[in-house]
Each structure stands twice: as structure tokens, then as C-alpha cells.
Amino acid sequence: MQLFPDLLLGMVAALGLAPFGVWGASIAAFSVLLWRLARVQSGAAFWHAFAAGLGWFGLSMSWIVEPFLVEPERYGWMAPFALLLMASGGAMFWALPAWLSNRMAGHWRSRMLALAAALVLSDWLRGWIFTGLPWSLSGHIWIDTPIAQLASYAGAVGLSLITMVVALLPGLFWRRMSPSLLGILPGVLMSIILLGAGWASGLARLSSSMPPDRDVILRIVQPDAEQHRKWDPEWSTVFFRRLMDLSSEPGRRDLVIWPETAVNFLLDDAPELLPRITENAAAPLALGIQRRDGARFYNSLAILDRQGNLQTLYDKFHLVPFGEYMPWGDALARLGISAFAAQAGNGYSAGAGPRLLSVPGIPGFQPLICYEAIFPQHIRNLPERPDWILQVTNDGWFGTFSGPYQHLAQARLRAIESGLPLVRAANTGVSAVIDARGQLRETLPLGVTGKIDATLPAPLQPTMWLRWGAWPVVMIALLTLVLAIGVSRGAKRDTA
């Protein structure tokens, strides 16, 4: 089997994701892939789709090697295996839909339709199965375009549906008019019309009026603590001084925000230091910090008042498998096996779940720690709607090429889906203030030490996605898959 073209097409498709943003290349590659995969037998379709998925996930998630290069002398040898395993696991979410659609549907056009629908369902499933990893969805190619505004109606999976429909049409309406590309012209024109309509709808939403900002000034502090130095005793003192100095600079601030695991000590181990920190900040402080409760350790966000008293706590509940905790961790800990990224104990324990936090004088907000912001469902799991979202993160683990930019793009998508502004404090960048339409108000780039003093944007009215979630899109994709298979089989029986 000639699998290299599929591998290459998968890599070309990934150019639509951050940091490249070449969405046209993605659409062209997906169009060719859908056409190719629909015209082979089911067994071959599995391997062709697996190769394409290997290219897509291998390029888009190449940042997965970065954590292993923080201490290359100890973990560097694992980096290529981590990338291969991650890309192979993702590729299965393409290979199985290709096998299923080609096995169940008869005519190649029905196979194309079934495969496009199955890939949309696959994107949705990746947000849930095996604790979920909704990274590098096909719909993420639109985040930096006006089409992303349609996520306020249909969410990230809705954007995947748009990707598949636009890519599907050229091949689906292909006619054997001539050996030239004229055969796909009707489908290309339909795709352009659909894209134009989506683009115009997004521009209309972006041009609509926004409510006035809240009378709240947030100070976001970015110490630029490089991951390979972050826990070094000498350097951690330098980074702590940066946090303190930036927090105390003149100017109004109603809340100071430090990023995830901002300091190298546990919350429980430095009660005498907390009043000094908040006295220096001259404002309440949202502090990313680790804490201990008995034998358990948590990756937490602590809210301190101006006197350094602990007001409330939020514990990260959606942890990174193998990074922040080990499956069957208590048993493996007896063998000396611990989570890769946890700096205390053998790994973190999970918190209770999504929460709404409040600070006197500050509108209520939902905290998210790092990885939690890639899961749209967590935004909908609160009994009361917050005014804004706070994400504290340490993207120093992700390197400087693609990971931090993809993480930022997904934060923007959470704002669009929910109609809520999102404030992001990142240890090494990119820190940002994102309004309720996903637009970047203020940013601090990667590798910069600094602060942002910004007004808090106001929320929009609850979006359609916030009310319904991904279920309308999932039902459309599922119905399309069933119809494509059913119509194809019915036509096959009639022919027989």
C-alpha cells in the first residue's frame, strides 16, 4: 500500500492549526483525503487513514516531546516514543471511522459522506473517552478567522462539522466531465458559497456592539520562569522576586493574578509568607500553588485577601494522565513510579469539580487550571453562570513552537462558545485578556517577563452552545452517518 501520500496529506492538513493558520491547505488536504479514503476497501482504508492521522497528530502535537527535554539527560530518550504513541493513538480516531464507513457503506459517495460524519463524531468522542483529549480537532483550523464565531451556536465540534462539509463538497459532487479539475467545480463553488456565508455571519457578530467593561482592573503577572530552572532553589528565588516586584509596581489593581504553581513551596508550609506577599501586592491575590492535605497533594488556586488570609481554594480536578497522576497511582507509588510533572508526592489528587469563586468587589468567576481549559464541557457544569473565566497555566512545559499557541487558541474558543471573557495568566506566556468574542485585548508574548493591567471585559448573553452544548451537532452527524449507510445499502439491494 502506498501510504506516504496519506501521511503527507495529514501533515498538510495540520498546517491549518496554530501556529501556522493556513486553513486553506487544511481544506484542500481534507478534500483529497476524503476522496481517497472512500475509494479503497475497508481494510486498506484503515491503514490509509491511520497514516493520514499519523501525519496530522504527529505535526500538530509535536510539542509533546518538550516535557521530556526539560531534563534531557534523564527523560530525553522517551521523547520519540511519546510522540509516536500520541500520534498513533490519535490516528486510531481516524482509522476506525474510515474502516467503519467503508465497510458499512457501498457506493464511494456514500462512503465519503459516512466518513465525514464519522470524523465529526470522532472529534466529539476524543473529548470524553479515556478521560478525553480534545486537542487538534479539525474545527480548530477556524479559530483565528471570523468563522470561529459560529462556535457560539455549535461549539468546537460544530466547527469540525463545517470543516468536513466544506471539504466534502468538491468530491461529493464530482462528475466525470473531463480528466481536468473541472469535474470538481460545482462542489468547489458550493464550498465557497458556504464559507462566504459563514465568514459573513462571523463578521456580523464581531461588528455588533459590546457591553461596557467592568469597573475592575486585573493585574496579570508573568515571571517567565523557564521550566528547566523553575524548581532550582537559586532560580526559584529569582522568579519569586520577579513576581513580588511586578505585583508591587504602581497602578490600580483590584486583583493580582499569579500563574499555575507560581512558587516552589506548598501552601501549608509558608503561612508567615502569605501576608508579606499580599501586603506587597496591595490587593487580593489569586495564586497558583501546590498544597498538601494529609497524604494527598493538589494542584490548586488559592484566593488570598489583602491581609494574606486564605479566602477560598480551588483544586484542579481534570488531571493529565501520566503527567499529573498515574492510573492506579497508589499501587504504583509503592514501586516508586510517580507522575511525570507532579512536583510533590507521587502525583496530584483530583479536586471536587468545577466551581464558581468570588472575591469581594470582583464579579464571580470560574477558575480553570492549565489543561482544564481544553474541555468545553467544564464551562457548562456550573449551576450558576460566572461573569468571566480565569485560566492559570504553566505552558513552559509545551516549549516555544506550537504548544503554547494551540493552548491559547483553545482558550479563545472557550470564550466564543460561552460568551464569557477569559483571563489567562501563563508562567512563560502567552498571558492574555480575551473578550467574550474570543478577541485578544492584551497579551504578553512567550519568553517575556512583565505584567498586564487591564479592565475586565463584560460577558455577553448566554450563547446557544451554552444552552445546548454539542448535542445538536452530534445528532446531525449521527443521523448523516446512519442515512449514508442506509441509503447505500438500500441502493445495493435494489441493484441486486
Protein backbone atom coordinates (compact mmCIF):
# COMPACT_ATOMS: atom_id res chain seq x y z
CA MET A 1 0.00 0.00 0.00
CA GLN A 2 1.20 3.49 -0.85
CA LEU A 3 0.73 5.23 2.49
CA PHE A 4 3.23 8.07 2.17
CA PRO A 5 0.81 10.37 0.26
CA ASP A 6 -1.71 9.96 3.09
CA LEU A 7 0.93 10.74 5.70
CA LEU A 8 1.88 13.85 3.74
CA LEU A 9 -1.76 14.91 3.32
CA GLY A 10 -2.28 14.60 7.06
CA MET A 11 0.71 16.87 7.70
CA VAL A 12 -0.53 19.41 5.15
CA ALA A 13 -3.96 19.37 6.83
CA ALA A 14 -2.28 20.20 10.16
CA LEU A 15 -0.97 23.47 8.70
CA GLY A 16 -4.39 24.97 9.39
CA LEU A 17 -3.75 24.78 13.15
CA ALA A 18 -1.77 27.24 15.25
CA PRO A 19 0.89 28.48 14.86
CA PHE A 20 0.54 28.22 11.06
CA GLY A 21 -3.14 29.06 10.46
CA VAL A 22 -3.15 28.07 6.77
CA TRP A 23 -6.75 26.86 6.81
CA GLY A 24 -6.95 26.67 3.00
CA ALA A 25 -4.26 23.99 3.00
CA SER A 26 -6.30 22.04 5.54
CA ILE A 27 -9.47 22.15 3.44
CA ALA A 28 -7.63 21.06 0.28
CA ALA A 29 -5.91 18.20 2.12
CA PHE A 30 -9.11 17.02 3.80
CA SER A 31 -10.91 17.09 0.42
CA VAL A 32 -8.32 14.84 -1.17
CA LEU A 33 -8.22 12.55 1.86
CA LEU A 34 -11.98 12.04 1.96
CA TRP A 35 -11.98 11.23 -1.76
CA ARG A 36 -9.01 8.84 -1.49
CA LEU A 37 -10.26 7.01 1.59
CA ALA A 38 -13.71 6.46 0.11
CA ARG A 39 -12.32 4.70 -2.95
CA VAL A 40 -10.42 1.86 -1.26
CA GLN A 41 -11.60 -1.28 0.50
CA SER A 42 -12.31 -1.20 4.22
CA GLY A 43 -9.10 -2.94 5.31
CA ALA A 44 -6.94 -0.66 3.20
CA ALA A 45 -8.96 2.37 4.31
CA PHE A 46 -7.94 1.68 7.90
CA TRP A 47 -4.24 1.90 7.10
CA HIS A 48 -4.54 4.84 4.72
CA ALA A 49 -6.50 6.78 7.37
CA PHE A 50 -4.04 5.70 10.07
CA ALA A 51 -1.16 7.11 8.02
CA ALA A 52 -3.06 10.37 7.47
CA GLY A 53 -3.84 10.62 11.18
CA LEU A 54 -0.19 9.95 11.98
CA GLY A 55 0.74 12.96 9.86
CA TRP A 56 -1.97 15.19 11.37
CA PHE A 57 -1.30 14.37 15.02
CA GLY A 58 2.45 13.92 14.57
CA LEU A 59 2.87 17.50 13.34
CA SER A 60 0.14 19.21 15.35
CA MET A 61 1.13 17.57 18.64
CA SER A 62 4.90 17.58 18.15
CA TRP A 63 5.11 19.71 21.32
CA ILE A 64 4.57 16.51 23.33
CA VAL A 65 8.35 15.92 23.19
CA GLU A 66 9.06 19.16 25.08
CA PRO A 67 8.39 17.91 28.66
CA PHE A 68 10.94 15.14 28.13
CA LEU A 69 13.58 17.68 27.10
CA VAL A 70 13.32 19.69 30.32
CA GLU A 71 15.72 17.13 31.85
CA PRO A 72 17.09 15.51 28.67
CA GLU A 73 19.75 13.54 30.50
CA ARG A 74 17.02 11.64 32.37
CA TYR A 75 14.00 11.67 30.07
CA GLY A 76 15.22 12.65 26.61
CA TRP A 77 15.24 9.07 25.36
CA MET A 78 11.46 8.90 25.93
CA ALA A 79 10.65 11.85 23.62
CA PRO A 80 10.37 10.00 20.27
CA PHE A 81 8.35 7.21 21.86
CA ALA A 82 5.97 9.73 23.42
CA LEU A 83 5.38 11.43 20.06
CA LEU A 84 4.89 8.10 18.25
CA LEU A 85 2.45 6.81 20.87
CA MET A 86 0.50 10.08 20.99
CA ALA A 87 0.27 10.32 17.20
CA SER A 88 -0.65 6.65 16.87
CA GLY A 89 -3.38 6.94 19.50
CA GLY A 90 -4.84 9.94 17.71
CA ALA A 91 -4.56 8.22 14.34
CA MET A 92 -6.82 5.44 15.59
CA PHE A 93 -9.60 8.04 15.85
CA TRP A 94 -9.28 8.47 12.08
CA ALA A 95 -8.57 4.86 11.13
CA LEU A 96 -11.59 3.32 12.84
CA PRO A 97 -14.11 5.75 11.27
CA ALA A 98 -12.56 5.07 7.84
CA TRP A 99 -12.81 1.32 8.34
CA LEU A 100 -16.39 1.58 9.60
CA SER A 101 -17.65 3.87 6.82
CA ASN A 102 -16.03 1.84 4.04
CA ARG A 103 -17.26 -1.43 5.47
CA MET A 104 -20.84 -0.31 6.08
CA ALA A 105 -21.46 1.91 3.05
CA GLY A 106 -21.37 0.64 -0.52
CA HIS A 107 -21.05 3.46 -3.07
CA TRP A 108 -17.97 5.67 -2.79
CA ARG A 109 -20.08 8.83 -2.43
CA SER A 110 -21.92 7.27 0.47
CA ARG A 111 -18.57 6.30 1.94
CA MET A 112 -17.36 9.90 1.70
CA LEU A 113 -20.48 11.17 3.43
CA ALA A 114 -20.30 8.50 6.11
CA LEU A 115 -16.61 9.14 6.71
CA ALA A 116 -17.07 12.90 7.08
CA ALA A 117 -19.87 12.34 9.61
CA ALA A 118 -17.83 9.70 11.46
CA LEU A 119 -14.83 12.04 11.75
CA VAL A 120 -17.05 14.72 13.32
CA LEU A 121 -18.29 12.15 15.85
CA SER A 122 -14.69 11.09 16.42
CA ASP A 123 -13.70 14.67 17.28
CA TRP A 124 -16.51 14.75 19.81
CA LEU A 125 -15.57 11.39 21.31
CA ARG A 126 -11.97 12.50 21.81
CA GLY A 127 -13.23 14.98 24.37
CA TRP A 128 -14.58 12.17 26.55
CA ILE A 129 -13.03 8.75 26.00
CA PHE A 130 -10.02 7.75 28.17
CA THR A 131 -10.54 10.97 30.24
CA GLY A 132 -10.54 12.97 26.99
CA LEU A 133 -8.06 14.91 24.86
CA PRO A 134 -9.94 17.30 22.54
CA TRP A 135 -6.71 18.73 21.08
CA SER A 136 -6.16 19.22 17.33
CA LEU A 137 -9.81 18.96 16.32
CA SER A 138 -10.41 19.57 12.63
CA GLY A 139 -12.59 22.55 13.61
CA HIS A 140 -9.66 24.27 15.32
CA ILE A 141 -8.40 25.50 11.94
CA TRP A 142 -11.03 28.29 12.09
CA ILE A 143 -10.13 29.80 15.48
CA ASP A 144 -8.28 32.79 14.03
CA THR A 145 -10.98 33.52 11.43
CA PRO A 146 -14.49 35.04 11.63
CA ILE A 147 -15.94 31.54 11.13
CA ALA A 148 -14.88 30.76 14.71
CA GLN A 149 -17.79 32.94 15.88
CA LEU A 150 -20.15 30.15 14.80
CA ALA A 151 -18.86 28.21 17.80
CA SER A 152 -21.23 30.37 19.88
CA TYR A 153 -24.02 28.34 18.23
CA ALA A 154 -22.44 24.92 17.74
CA GLY A 155 -19.21 24.76 19.75
CA ALA A 156 -15.87 23.31 18.71
CA VAL A 157 -17.49 20.18 17.25
CA GLY A 158 -19.73 22.44 15.18
CA LEU A 159 -16.60 23.94 13.64
CA SER A 160 -15.43 20.39 12.86
CA LEU A 161 -18.74 19.83 11.08
CA ILE A 162 -18.13 22.95 8.98
CA THR A 163 -14.63 21.69 8.12
CA MET A 164 -15.93 18.35 6.95
CA VAL A 165 -18.83 19.76 4.94
CA VAL A 166 -16.62 22.28 3.12
CA ALA A 167 -14.01 19.58 2.42
CA LEU A 168 -16.63 17.03 1.38
CA LEU A 169 -18.48 19.01 -1.28
CA PRO A 170 -15.84 19.10 -4.07
CA GLY A 171 -15.51 15.32 -4.13
CA LEU A 172 -19.15 14.54 -3.36
CA PHE A 173 -20.40 16.49 -6.40
CA TRP A 174 -17.59 15.39 -8.69
CA ARG A 175 -18.61 14.40 -12.22
CA ARG A 176 -16.57 12.64 -14.88
CA MET A 177 -16.81 15.60 -17.24
CA SER A 178 -13.18 15.51 -18.30
CA PRO A 179 -9.79 14.45 -16.99
CA SER A 180 -9.25 18.02 -15.73
CA LEU A 181 -10.22 19.58 -12.41
CA LEU A 182 -13.43 20.91 -13.97
CA GLY A 183 -15.18 17.86 -12.55
CA ILE A 184 -14.99 19.23 -9.01
CA LEU A 185 -16.02 22.79 -9.96
CA PRO A 186 -19.68 22.51 -8.79
CA GLY A 187 -18.63 21.26 -5.39
CA VAL A 188 -15.89 23.90 -5.08
CA LEU A 189 -18.41 26.66 -5.82
CA MET A 190 -20.76 25.27 -3.18
CA SER A 191 -17.91 25.21 -0.65
CA ILE A 192 -17.01 28.82 -1.45
CA ILE A 193 -20.64 29.90 -1.01
CA LEU A 194 -20.86 28.08 2.32
CA LEU A 195 -17.58 29.59 3.51
CA GLY A 196 -18.69 33.04 2.42
CA ALA A 197 -21.92 32.73 4.37
CA GLY A 198 -20.10 31.56 7.49
CA TRP A 199 -17.48 34.30 7.12
CA ALA A 200 -20.16 37.00 6.75
CA SER A 201 -22.05 35.67 9.78
CA GLY A 202 -18.87 35.78 11.85
CA LEU A 203 -18.06 39.30 10.74
CA ALA A 204 -21.57 40.41 11.65
CA ARG A 205 -21.15 39.04 15.18
CA LEU A 206 -17.74 40.66 15.53
CA SER A 207 -19.10 44.04 14.43
CA SER A 208 -22.05 44.01 16.86
CA SER A 209 -21.88 46.24 19.92
CA MET A 210 -20.33 45.00 23.15
CA PRO A 211 -21.45 45.85 26.70
CA PRO A 212 -19.11 48.22 28.58
CA ASP A 213 -16.21 46.73 30.50
CA ARG A 214 -16.50 46.11 34.23
CA ASP A 215 -15.00 48.71 36.55
CA VAL A 216 -12.37 46.20 37.64
CA ILE A 217 -8.61 46.29 36.98
CA LEU A 218 -6.81 42.95 36.88
CA ARG A 219 -3.04 42.68 37.14
CA ILE A 220 -1.72 39.54 35.43
CA VAL A 221 1.88 38.71 36.37
CA GLN A 222 4.15 36.69 34.08
CA PRO A 223 7.51 35.82 35.69
CA ASP A 224 8.89 33.86 32.70
CA ALA A 225 10.17 31.03 34.88
CA GLU A 226 11.71 28.60 32.38
CA GLN A 227 10.68 25.05 33.17
CA HIS A 228 14.20 23.66 33.41
CA ARG A 229 15.02 26.30 36.05
CA LYS A 230 11.66 26.62 37.75
CA TRP A 231 12.38 24.30 40.69
CA ASP A 232 16.07 25.09 41.06
CA PRO A 233 16.49 26.66 44.57
CA GLU A 234 18.65 29.53 43.32
CA TRP A 235 16.50 30.36 40.31
CA SER A 236 13.20 29.94 42.17
CA THR A 237 14.31 32.84 44.40
CA VAL A 238 14.87 34.94 41.28
CA PHE A 239 11.43 34.08 39.93
CA PHE A 240 9.77 34.79 43.28
CA ARG A 241 11.39 38.21 43.36
CA ARG A 242 10.07 38.88 39.85
CA LEU A 243 6.56 38.00 41.00
CA MET A 244 6.83 40.28 44.00
CA ASP A 245 8.35 43.22 42.09
CA LEU A 246 5.81 43.10 39.26
CA SER A 247 2.93 42.81 41.72
CA SER A 248 4.03 45.90 43.65
CA GLU A 249 4.55 48.24 40.69
CA PRO A 250 2.45 51.43 40.86
CA GLY A 251 -1.02 51.50 39.37
CA ARG A 252 -4.53 50.49 40.29
CA ARG A 253 -5.20 46.78 40.64
CA ASP A 254 -8.27 45.19 42.17
CA LEU A 255 -6.97 41.62 41.85
CA VAL A 256 -3.45 40.35 41.22
CA ILE A 257 -3.13 37.00 39.42
CA TRP A 258 -0.11 34.70 39.55
CA PRO A 259 0.12 31.67 37.20
CA GLU A 260 -0.09 27.94 37.91
CA THR A 261 2.38 26.60 40.51
CA ALA A 262 3.85 30.07 40.71
CA VAL A 263 6.02 29.35 43.78
CA ASN A 264 8.25 26.47 44.84
CA PHE A 265 6.69 25.96 48.29
CA LEU A 266 3.46 24.38 49.44
CA LEU A 267 0.56 26.49 50.62
CA ASP A 268 0.67 24.73 54.01
CA ASP A 269 4.41 25.31 54.54
CA ALA A 270 4.62 29.11 54.46
CA PRO A 271 1.76 30.68 56.42
CA GLU A 272 4.03 33.52 57.59
CA LEU A 273 4.96 34.39 53.98
CA LEU A 274 1.43 34.86 52.63
CA PRO A 275 0.73 38.19 54.42
CA ARG A 276 4.02 39.55 53.07
CA ILE A 277 3.01 38.59 49.53
CA THR A 278 -0.40 40.27 49.65
CA GLU A 279 0.93 43.31 51.52
CA ASN A 280 3.45 43.69 48.72
CA ALA A 281 0.72 43.25 46.08
CA ALA A 282 -1.56 45.73 47.89
CA ALA A 283 -4.56 43.79 46.58
CA PRO A 284 -6.23 40.39 46.86
CA LEU A 285 -4.23 37.67 45.14
CA ALA A 286 -5.18 34.64 43.02
CA LEU A 287 -2.19 32.35 43.47
CA GLY A 288 -1.42 29.14 41.63
CA ILE A 289 0.18 26.89 44.25
CA GLN A 290 0.54 23.28 45.33
CA ARG A 291 -0.90 22.14 48.64
CA ARG A 292 -0.97 19.09 50.86
CA ASP A 293 -3.89 17.56 52.72
CA GLY A 294 -2.70 14.59 54.73
CA ALA A 295 -1.06 12.20 52.29
CA ARG A 296 -2.70 13.88 49.29
CA PHE A 297 -1.29 16.66 47.14
CA TYR A 298 -3.28 19.09 44.99
CA ASN A 299 -2.59 21.49 42.14
CA SER A 300 -4.58 24.46 43.40
CA LEU A 301 -5.61 28.07 43.03
CA ALA A 302 -5.68 29.92 46.35
CA ILE A 303 -7.54 33.21 46.81
CA LEU A 304 -5.90 35.41 49.47
CA ASP A 305 -7.32 38.64 50.85
CA ARG A 306 -5.20 41.76 51.37
CA GLN A 307 -4.08 40.50 54.79
CA GLY A 308 -2.89 37.19 53.38
CA ASN A 309 -5.78 35.18 54.80
CA LEU A 310 -6.97 32.24 52.73
CA GLN A 311 -10.46 33.05 51.43
CA THR A 312 -11.17 30.07 49.22
CA LEU A 313 -9.49 27.23 47.36
CA TYR A 314 -9.96 25.55 44.03
CA ASP A 315 -8.29 22.20 43.31
CA LYS A 316 -7.67 21.09 39.76
CA PHE A 317 -9.98 18.15 39.10
CA HIS A 318 -9.25 17.16 35.47
CA LEU A 319 -5.68 15.96 35.75
CA VAL A 320 -3.28 14.98 32.98
CA PRO A 321 -2.89 11.17 32.90
CA PHE A 322 0.73 10.11 33.47
CA GLY A 323 1.71 13.78 33.79
CA GLU A 324 -0.11 14.81 36.97
CA TYR A 325 -1.31 11.45 38.15
CA MET A 326 -0.76 7.79 37.37
CA PRO A 327 -3.66 5.42 36.81
CA TRP A 328 -3.63 3.00 39.74
CA GLY A 329 -1.28 5.54 41.32
CA ASP A 330 -1.48 4.34 44.90
CA ALA A 331 -0.36 0.87 43.89
CA LEU A 332 2.35 2.10 41.51
CA ALA A 333 3.67 4.52 44.13
CA ARG A 334 4.76 1.52 46.19
CA LEU A 335 7.01 0.61 43.27
CA GLY A 336 8.47 4.11 43.07
CA ILE A 337 6.55 5.07 39.91
CA SER A 338 5.19 8.60 40.04
CA ALA A 339 3.54 11.10 37.70
CA PHE A 340 5.93 12.88 35.35
CA ALA A 341 5.03 16.53 36.02
CA ALA A 342 3.95 16.44 39.66
CA GLN A 343 6.46 18.24 41.87
CA ALA A 344 5.12 16.93 45.19
CA GLY A 345 4.32 13.41 46.28
CA ASN A 346 3.72 10.67 43.74
CA GLY A 347 1.13 12.72 41.88
CA TYR A 348 -1.81 15.00 42.40
CA SER A 349 -5.24 14.05 43.64
CA ALA A 350 -8.30 15.35 41.81
CA GLY A 351 -10.42 18.17 43.20
CA ALA A 352 -14.18 18.07 43.61
CA GLY A 353 -15.07 19.59 40.22
CA PRO A 354 -15.96 22.92 38.57
CA ARG A 355 -16.59 25.80 40.95
CA LEU A 356 -17.68 29.41 40.99
CA LEU A 357 -15.32 31.60 43.05
CA SER A 358 -15.86 35.10 44.35
CA VAL A 359 -13.66 37.90 45.65
CA PRO A 360 -15.17 40.99 47.32
CA GLY A 361 -15.59 43.68 44.67
CA ILE A 362 -14.85 41.25 41.81
CA PRO A 363 -17.57 39.57 39.69
CA GLY A 364 -17.82 35.81 40.23
CA PHE A 365 -15.54 33.72 38.02
CA GLN A 366 -14.84 30.11 37.08
CA PRO A 367 -11.23 29.01 37.63
CA LEU A 368 -9.53 26.58 35.26
CA ILE A 369 -6.01 25.29 35.73
CA CYS A 370 -3.97 24.67 32.57
CA TYR A 371 -5.26 21.58 30.73
CA GLU A 372 -8.82 22.02 32.03
CA ALA A 373 -9.41 24.85 29.55
CA ILE A 374 -9.35 22.47 26.56
CA PHE A 375 -12.57 20.77 27.75
CA PRO A 376 -15.64 22.78 26.72
CA GLN A 377 -17.96 20.66 28.85
CA HIS A 378 -16.44 22.06 32.04
CA ILE A 379 -17.81 25.51 31.19
CA ARG A 380 -21.37 24.13 31.23
CA ASN A 381 -21.11 22.19 34.51
CA LEU A 382 -21.93 25.02 36.91
CA PRO A 383 -25.37 25.66 38.45
CA GLU A 384 -24.82 29.42 38.10
CA ARG A 385 -23.20 31.25 35.20
CA PRO A 386 -19.98 33.11 36.08
CA ASP A 387 -19.13 36.60 34.82
CA TRP A 388 -15.73 35.51 33.49
CA ILE A 389 -13.25 32.66 33.32
CA LEU A 390 -9.78 32.65 34.88
CA GLN A 391 -7.18 30.26 33.50
CA VAL A 392 -3.85 29.92 35.29
CA THR A 393 -1.34 27.79 33.43
CA ASN A 394 2.30 26.80 33.11
CA ASP A 395 2.86 26.49 29.38
CA GLY A 396 6.60 26.26 29.98
CA TRP A 397 6.06 22.50 29.60
CA PHE A 398 4.97 22.98 25.97
CA GLY A 399 8.13 24.58 24.55
CA THR A 400 8.02 27.65 22.32
CA PHE A 401 6.92 26.40 18.90
CA SER A 402 3.32 25.22 18.70
CA GLY A 403 2.00 24.01 22.07
CA PRO A 404 1.54 27.39 23.81
CA TYR A 405 -0.13 28.91 20.75
CA GLN A 406 -2.54 26.00 20.37
CA HIS A 407 -3.38 26.22 24.07
CA LEU A 408 -4.06 29.95 23.71
CA ALA A 409 -6.23 29.31 20.64
CA GLN A 410 -8.38 26.86 22.59
CA ALA A 411 -8.80 29.41 25.39
CA ARG A 412 -10.11 31.86 22.79
CA LEU A 413 -12.54 29.22 21.60
CA ARG A 414 -13.87 28.70 25.15
CA ALA A 415 -14.65 32.44 25.29
CA ILE A 416 -16.53 32.33 21.97
CA GLU A 417 -18.53 29.24 22.93
CA SER A 418 -19.60 30.57 26.30
CA GLY A 419 -19.87 34.30 25.58
CA LEU A 420 -17.63 34.87 28.62
CA PRO A 421 -14.35 36.81 28.76
CA LEU A 422 -11.33 34.70 29.67
CA VAL A 423 -8.29 35.99 31.53
CA ARG A 424 -5.14 33.94 31.19
CA ALA A 425 -2.06 34.02 33.44
CA ALA A 426 0.72 31.91 31.93
CA ASN A 427 4.06 31.34 33.60
CA THR A 428 6.17 31.80 30.46
CA GLY A 429 3.42 33.17 28.17
CA VAL A 430 1.19 33.74 26.41
CA SER A 431 -0.72 35.64 29.12
CA ALA A 432 -3.80 37.35 27.73
CA VAL A 433 -7.07 39.13 28.30
CA ILE A 434 -9.66 37.68 25.88
CA ASP A 435 -13.07 39.26 25.42
CA ALA A 436 -16.36 37.38 25.15
CA ARG A 437 -15.97 37.04 21.37
CA GLY A 438 -12.53 35.46 21.62
CA GLN A 439 -10.64 38.59 20.59
CA LEU A 440 -7.26 39.28 22.19
CA ARG A 441 -7.41 42.55 24.14
CA GLU A 442 -3.97 42.38 25.80
CA THR A 443 -1.14 39.85 25.54
CA LEU A 444 2.32 39.16 26.94
CA PRO A 445 4.34 37.10 24.43
CA LEU A 446 6.32 33.97 25.14
CA GLY A 447 9.60 34.43 26.96
CA VAL A 448 8.77 37.88 28.33
CA THR A 449 8.86 38.98 31.95
CA GLY A 450 6.11 41.50 32.61
CA LYS A 451 2.59 42.29 33.68
CA ILE A 452 -0.75 43.27 32.19
CA ASP A 453 -3.02 45.82 33.86
CA ALA A 454 -6.35 45.53 32.08
CA THR A 455 -10.01 46.20 32.63
CA LEU A 456 -12.21 43.13 32.87
CA PRO A 457 -14.37 42.72 29.71
CA ALA A 458 -18.08 42.18 30.24
CA PRO A 459 -19.88 38.93 29.36
CA LEU A 460 -22.38 38.57 26.55
CA GLN A 461 -25.81 36.97 26.82
CA PRO A 462 -25.73 33.16 27.20
CA THR A 463 -24.94 31.55 23.86
CA MET A 464 -26.90 28.81 22.11
CA TRP A 465 -23.97 26.47 22.70
CA LEU A 466 -24.11 27.21 26.42
CA ARG A 467 -27.75 26.08 26.46
CA TRP A 468 -27.49 23.00 24.22
CA GLY A 469 -23.83 22.02 24.10
CA ALA A 470 -22.59 19.79 21.29
CA TRP A 471 -25.69 17.59 21.17
CA PRO A 472 -27.37 19.14 18.10
CA VAL A 473 -24.16 18.68 16.08
CA VAL A 474 -23.67 15.15 17.39
CA MET A 475 -27.23 14.23 16.38
CA ILE A 476 -26.79 15.75 12.89
CA ALA A 477 -23.56 13.80 12.37
CA LEU A 478 -25.07 10.58 13.71
CA LEU A 479 -28.17 10.93 11.52
CA THR A 480 -25.99 11.64 8.47
CA LEU A 481 -23.91 8.55 9.17
CA VAL A 482 -27.00 6.34 9.51
CA LEU A 483 -28.58 7.78 6.35
CA ALA A 484 -25.39 7.39 4.30
CA ILE A 485 -25.12 3.75 5.30
CA GLY A 486 -28.84 3.06 4.95
CA VAL A 487 -29.26 4.70 1.53
CA SER A 488 -26.17 2.96 0.22
CA ARG A 489 -27.32 -0.45 1.40
CA GLY A 490 -30.83 0.15 0.08
CA ALA A 491 -29.46 1.04 -3.37
CA LYS A 492 -27.27 -2.05 -3.28
CA ARG A 493 -30.26 -4.30 -2.55
CA ASP A 494 -32.29 -2.66 -5.37
CA THR A 495 -29.44 -3.27 -7.80
CA ALA A 496 -29.22 -6.89 -6.73
